[in-house]
Amino acid sequence: MAKIKNDNIGTPGTTTNAVSANAKFTDIQTATTTSLSRLNIKAQGVDLPNISSTGLVQDFRTYHNGTTTRPWALVNAGTTATPIIDPGVPANIAQIAYGAGITLVAGDVLRIQFTVGLESHNAGGAGTTLPDLQDTQFPIAFVMWDITSNALANFVPLPGRASLGAAEAVGNDIIIDNHDGAQANYMTDGVALFSYRCAPVTGATANTKQVSQGMLVYQRPIPSPNQTVYGVRLFLRGRMLYKSTGASGHRVFEVGAGGNITHNIDYVHLTAMQMRHGTVN
């Protein structure tokens, strides 16, 4: 854009009138037309109330099941992922639906946080208050998104995350590390782990009363095309096993044997925040 003169309203100490003041705005209008951007004005260079802005946070939504009857009895054997849902009222599901969708542009950040409470389960005795997850079964909670349609029928892992939603037979491994240095498809940020063992037992019920949290941060690569997100949803999976030397030397979650376990889910909270794209200089 053209250069704007900075002396047309007078030097310090001179009297400024309407003509000279208006000349300044005329210069700005002539120089910028439609070209005014971050390249012309540094951050905070103009008072924010004078410029239309959506702010740093584009979209913020939250879900919680605090107003519904709990716990939710979720049956899972680890061979598939089960949505964290109220079996009695299927409309009560731990998810955030975006309707027509939100659009992630290059550099946008989608930050997802959640908390899940495991009230109890029927996986058997506790045995210890200090469980070692190596070769010990445990359940996990994790988030996936739908980028297909607002029918919310195609939830998949976020880019770079482990394929925790895929159906696997007992004994199969799900890779959870970047053993080959590729930094692709194996991350497990955004996964909450629980223990079947750390709990007092009453009859066949182990009263875990555990609360676990997960958080993941996804940034849309720069450059890349826009990505529409229609929803994010929480899932549960267990029986799982952790192995440090699984498939081809990877660390893995392995599907454990033993059949279905009833997981009684108490409090659930899910938050998703879309933050405005960053700047690459």
Protein backbone atom coordinates (compact mmCIF):
# COMPACT_ATOMS: atom_id res chain seq x y z
CA MET A 1 0.00 0.00 0.00
CA ALA A 2 1.02 3.66 -0.34
CA LYS A 3 3.01 5.48 2.32
CA ILE A 4 1.05 7.59 4.81
CA LYS A 5 2.48 10.99 5.75
CA ASN A 6 2.70 11.65 9.47
CA ASP A 7 3.16 15.43 9.46
CA ASN A 8 -0.06 16.68 7.88
CA ILE A 9 -1.74 17.53 11.18
CA GLY A 10 1.11 19.75 12.22
CA THR A 11 4.30 19.43 14.22
CA PRO A 12 4.23 19.39 18.03
CA GLY A 13 3.12 22.74 19.43
CA THR A 14 1.12 23.84 16.38
CA THR A 15 -2.64 24.33 16.33
CA THR A 16 -4.63 21.55 14.68
CA ASN A 17 -7.91 22.31 12.93
CA ALA A 18 -10.59 20.18 11.31
CA VAL A 19 -9.07 20.50 7.84
CA SER A 20 -5.67 19.14 8.81
CA ALA A 21 -7.19 16.40 10.98
CA ASN A 22 -9.47 15.26 8.15
CA ALA A 23 -6.49 15.24 5.80
CA LYS A 24 -4.94 12.51 7.95
CA PHE A 25 -7.99 10.26 7.52
CA THR A 26 -8.11 11.03 3.80
CA ASP A 27 -4.49 9.89 3.52
CA ILE A 28 -5.33 6.65 5.36
CA GLN A 29 -8.33 5.99 3.14
CA THR A 30 -6.33 6.62 -0.02
CA ALA A 31 -3.38 4.52 1.05
CA THR A 32 -5.21 1.52 2.44
CA THR A 33 -8.45 1.16 0.48
CA THR A 34 -9.00 -2.59 1.06
CA SER A 35 -5.37 -3.38 1.85
CA LEU A 36 -5.36 -2.69 5.59
CA SER A 37 -3.97 -5.78 7.33
CA ARG A 38 -1.54 -7.01 9.98
CA LEU A 39 1.26 -6.04 7.59
CA ASN A 40 0.28 -2.36 7.94
CA ILE A 41 -0.62 -2.18 11.63
CA LYS A 42 1.27 -3.93 14.40
CA ALA A 43 -0.55 -5.84 17.15
CA GLN A 44 -2.48 -3.46 19.43
CA GLY A 45 -1.56 -0.58 17.09
CA VAL A 46 -5.23 0.41 16.86
CA ASP A 47 -7.75 0.22 19.69
CA LEU A 48 -9.69 -3.03 19.34
CA PRO A 49 -13.16 -1.45 19.77
CA ASN A 50 -12.60 0.41 16.48
CA ILE A 51 -12.07 -2.76 14.45
CA SER A 52 -14.50 -5.60 13.95
CA SER A 53 -12.90 -8.74 15.39
CA THR A 54 -14.00 -12.23 16.43
CA GLY A 55 -11.33 -12.32 19.11
CA LEU A 56 -8.79 -14.99 19.92
CA VAL A 57 -11.43 -17.63 20.66
CA GLN A 58 -13.57 -18.44 17.64
CA ASP A 59 -15.76 -21.05 19.33
CA PHE A 60 -16.10 -22.39 22.88
CA ARG A 61 -18.49 -25.17 23.85
CA THR A 62 -18.91 -27.50 26.77
CA TYR A 63 -20.87 -30.61 27.73
CA HIS A 64 -21.50 -32.19 31.11
CA ASN A 65 -23.87 -34.84 32.42
CA GLY A 66 -24.35 -33.26 35.84
CA THR A 67 -28.11 -32.84 35.30
CA THR A 68 -28.78 -36.45 34.30
CA THR A 69 -29.22 -39.62 36.33
CA ARG A 70 -25.93 -41.45 36.91
CA PRO A 71 -24.02 -43.71 36.79
CA TRP A 72 -24.16 -44.86 33.18
CA ALA A 73 -23.50 -48.59 32.81
CA LEU A 74 -21.27 -49.06 29.76
CA VAL A 75 -20.45 -52.61 28.71
CA ASN A 76 -17.18 -53.06 26.85
CA ALA A 77 -14.66 -55.85 26.24
CA GLY A 78 -11.89 -53.78 24.66
CA THR A 79 -12.40 -55.12 21.14
CA THR A 80 -14.30 -51.98 20.09
CA ALA A 81 -14.79 -48.41 21.30
CA THR A 82 -18.08 -47.59 23.05
CA PRO A 83 -19.47 -44.02 23.08
CA ILE A 84 -19.83 -42.66 26.60
CA ILE A 85 -23.61 -42.56 26.56
CA ASP A 86 -26.55 -42.99 28.89
CA PRO A 87 -27.95 -46.41 27.86
CA GLY A 88 -31.36 -45.47 29.24
CA VAL A 89 -31.55 -42.14 27.41
CA PRO A 90 -29.48 -42.39 24.20
CA ALA A 91 -29.86 -38.65 23.61
CA ASN A 92 -27.57 -38.13 26.61
CA ILE A 93 -24.19 -38.64 25.00
CA ALA A 94 -20.82 -37.14 25.90
CA GLN A 95 -20.24 -35.10 22.78
CA ILE A 96 -20.23 -31.60 21.33
CA ALA A 97 -22.17 -31.28 18.08
CA TYR A 98 -21.37 -28.32 15.81
CA GLY A 99 -24.41 -28.51 13.53
CA ALA A 100 -23.24 -27.05 10.22
CA GLY A 101 -19.70 -27.39 11.53
CA ILE A 102 -16.83 -25.16 12.56
CA THR A 103 -14.05 -24.36 10.11
CA LEU A 104 -10.42 -24.77 11.06
CA VAL A 105 -8.20 -22.67 8.81
CA ALA A 106 -4.44 -23.07 8.57
CA GLY A 107 -2.93 -22.32 11.97
CA ASP A 108 -6.20 -22.66 13.93
CA VAL A 109 -5.97 -24.58 17.20
CA LEU A 110 -8.65 -26.95 18.50
CA ARG A 111 -8.12 -27.56 22.22
CA ILE A 112 -10.14 -30.40 23.78
CA GLN A 113 -10.26 -31.19 27.50
CA PHE A 114 -12.36 -33.73 29.37
CA THR A 115 -12.90 -35.35 32.74
CA VAL A 116 -14.44 -38.79 33.31
CA GLY A 117 -15.33 -40.42 36.61
CA LEU A 118 -15.32 -44.25 36.84
CA GLU A 119 -17.61 -45.05 39.76
CA SER A 120 -17.25 -48.84 39.76
CA HIS A 121 -16.88 -51.96 37.61
CA ASN A 122 -17.19 -55.74 37.80
CA ALA A 123 -13.75 -56.70 36.49
CA GLY A 124 -12.80 -58.59 39.63
CA GLY A 125 -10.71 -58.11 42.76
CA ALA A 126 -8.42 -55.20 43.47
CA GLY A 127 -5.32 -56.84 44.91
CA THR A 128 -3.22 -53.71 45.35
CA THR A 129 -3.50 -49.99 45.94
CA LEU A 130 -0.48 -49.34 43.73
CA PRO A 131 -1.34 -50.99 40.41
CA ASP A 132 1.33 -51.62 37.82
CA LEU A 133 -0.23 -51.23 34.37
CA GLN A 134 2.39 -53.45 32.79
CA ASP A 135 0.48 -56.68 31.96
CA THR A 136 -2.48 -55.49 34.06
CA GLN A 137 -5.80 -54.75 32.37
CA PHE A 138 -7.26 -51.24 32.49
CA PRO A 139 -9.89 -49.11 30.69
CA ILE A 140 -9.28 -45.88 28.77
CA ALA A 141 -11.39 -42.88 27.77
CA PHE A 142 -10.53 -40.82 24.70
CA VAL A 143 -11.94 -38.36 22.19
CA MET A 144 -12.50 -38.63 18.43
CA TRP A 145 -14.00 -36.21 15.90
CA ASP A 146 -16.37 -36.40 12.92
CA ILE A 147 -15.22 -34.49 9.82
CA THR A 148 -17.64 -36.21 7.43
CA SER A 149 -21.11 -34.79 8.15
CA ASN A 150 -23.39 -33.54 10.89
CA ALA A 151 -25.03 -36.97 10.98
CA LEU A 152 -22.20 -37.73 13.44
CA ALA A 153 -21.85 -41.31 12.22
CA ASN A 154 -18.15 -41.31 11.28
CA PHE A 155 -15.98 -40.56 14.28
CA VAL A 156 -12.25 -41.03 13.65
CA PRO A 157 -9.03 -40.21 15.52
CA LEU A 158 -7.65 -36.71 15.20
CA PRO A 159 -4.56 -36.46 12.97
CA GLY A 160 -1.46 -37.98 14.51
CA ARG A 161 -3.37 -39.80 17.23
CA ALA A 162 -3.36 -43.54 17.86
CA SER A 163 -6.13 -45.56 16.19
CA LEU A 164 -7.95 -46.25 19.44
CA GLY A 165 -11.37 -46.39 17.80
CA ALA A 166 -10.59 -49.24 15.41
CA ALA A 167 -12.11 -52.67 16.06
CA GLU A 168 -9.44 -55.18 17.07
CA ALA A 169 -9.54 -58.82 18.11
CA VAL A 170 -8.29 -60.01 21.51
CA GLY A 171 -4.49 -60.00 21.50
CA ASN A 172 -4.13 -57.40 18.76
CA ASP A 173 -1.86 -54.39 19.29
CA ILE A 174 -2.62 -50.69 18.82
CA ILE A 175 0.64 -48.73 18.41
CA ILE A 176 0.90 -45.76 20.79
CA ASP A 177 4.39 -44.35 20.18
CA ASN A 178 6.59 -42.84 17.49
CA HIS A 179 9.10 -45.65 17.54
CA ASP A 180 10.24 -44.95 13.97
CA GLY A 181 10.51 -41.19 14.49
CA ALA A 182 7.77 -40.46 11.96
CA GLN A 183 5.69 -38.51 14.51
CA ALA A 184 2.52 -39.75 12.84
CA ASN A 185 -0.60 -41.63 13.92
CA TYR A 186 0.56 -42.83 17.33
CA MET A 187 0.17 -40.01 19.86
CA THR A 188 -1.98 -40.63 22.93
CA ASP A 189 -2.41 -37.15 24.34
CA GLY A 190 -6.10 -36.81 25.05
CA VAL A 191 -6.34 -40.31 26.59
CA ALA A 192 -7.43 -40.87 30.19
CA LEU A 193 -6.42 -44.11 31.92
CA PHE A 194 -8.09 -45.86 34.85
CA SER A 195 -7.17 -48.86 36.98
CA TYR A 196 -9.30 -51.95 37.57
CA ARG A 197 -7.18 -52.92 40.56
CA CYS A 198 -7.03 -49.83 42.75
CA ALA A 199 -10.42 -50.25 44.42
CA PRO A 200 -12.21 -51.76 47.42
CA VAL A 201 -14.46 -54.67 46.46
CA THR A 202 -18.03 -55.28 47.59
CA GLY A 203 -19.30 -58.58 46.29
CA ALA A 204 -18.60 -58.59 42.55
CA THR A 205 -18.31 -54.79 42.35
CA ALA A 206 -15.02 -52.92 42.58
CA ASN A 207 -15.72 -49.37 43.76
CA THR A 208 -12.97 -47.46 41.99
CA LYS A 209 -14.37 -43.93 42.39
CA GLN A 210 -11.58 -42.75 40.11
CA VAL A 211 -11.50 -39.50 38.17
CA SER A 212 -9.16 -39.14 35.20
CA GLN A 213 -8.55 -36.31 32.75
CA GLY A 214 -7.40 -35.96 29.17
CA MET A 215 -6.39 -33.06 26.95
CA LEU A 216 -5.23 -32.77 23.39
CA VAL A 217 -4.31 -29.77 21.27
CA TYR A 218 -4.59 -29.99 17.49
CA GLN A 219 -3.21 -27.24 15.27
CA ARG A 220 -4.20 -27.14 11.62
CA PRO A 221 -0.94 -27.29 9.65
CA ILE A 222 0.36 -24.23 7.80
CA PRO A 223 -0.27 -24.31 4.91
CA SER A 224 -3.27 -26.60 4.50
CA PRO A 225 -6.87 -26.36 3.23
CA ASN A 226 -9.72 -25.57 5.58
CA GLN A 227 -11.10 -28.43 7.69
CA THR A 228 -14.76 -28.62 8.76
CA VAL A 229 -15.42 -30.31 12.10
CA TYR A 230 -18.98 -31.48 12.83
CA GLY A 231 -18.53 -32.88 16.31
CA VAL A 232 -16.28 -34.37 18.99
CA ARG A 233 -17.27 -37.33 21.15
CA LEU A 234 -15.93 -39.26 24.13
CA PHE A 235 -15.39 -43.02 23.96
CA LEU A 236 -14.57 -45.80 26.44
CA ARG A 237 -12.50 -48.91 25.81
CA GLY A 238 -11.44 -51.73 28.13
CA ARG A 239 -10.05 -54.38 28.64
CA MET A 240 -6.69 -52.99 27.55
CA LEU A 241 -3.09 -53.94 28.34
CA TYR A 242 0.07 -51.85 28.10
CA LYS A 243 3.16 -53.46 26.60
CA SER A 244 6.51 -51.77 26.14
CA THR A 245 7.64 -54.23 23.45
CA GLY A 246 4.64 -54.91 21.27
CA ALA A 247 4.36 -54.97 17.49
CA SER A 248 7.78 -54.43 15.85
CA GLY A 249 9.23 -53.09 19.10
CA HIS A 250 6.58 -50.38 19.57
CA ARG A 251 4.87 -49.51 22.82
CA VAL A 252 1.27 -50.64 22.40
CA PHE A 253 -2.15 -50.99 23.93
CA GLU A 254 -3.17 -54.60 23.47
CA VAL A 255 -6.77 -55.82 23.60
CA GLY A 256 -7.01 -58.01 26.71
CA ALA A 257 -8.84 -61.30 27.11
CA GLY A 258 -11.72 -61.98 29.46
CA GLY A 259 -14.87 -60.64 27.83
CA ASN A 260 -17.23 -57.83 28.76
CA ILE A 261 -16.87 -55.55 31.77
CA THR A 262 -19.59 -53.22 33.01
CA HIS A 263 -18.12 -49.77 33.64
CA ASN A 264 -20.32 -47.49 35.73
CA ILE A 265 -19.53 -43.96 34.55
CA ASP A 266 -20.30 -41.10 36.90
CA TYR A 267 -19.49 -37.47 36.17
CA VAL A 268 -18.41 -36.54 32.63
CA HIS A 269 -17.28 -33.14 31.37
CA LEU A 270 -16.12 -32.22 27.86
CA THR A 271 -14.87 -28.84 26.60
CA ALA A 272 -13.74 -27.83 23.11
CA MET A 273 -12.22 -24.47 22.18
CA GLN A 274 -11.35 -23.25 18.69
CA MET A 275 -8.70 -20.53 18.77
CA ARG A 276 -7.92 -18.12 15.97
CA HIS A 277 -5.12 -19.00 13.61
CA GLY A 278 -1.60 -17.91 14.44
CA THR A 279 0.86 -15.98 12.30
CA VAL A 280 4.01 -17.25 10.65
CA ASN A 281 6.64 -14.53 10.12
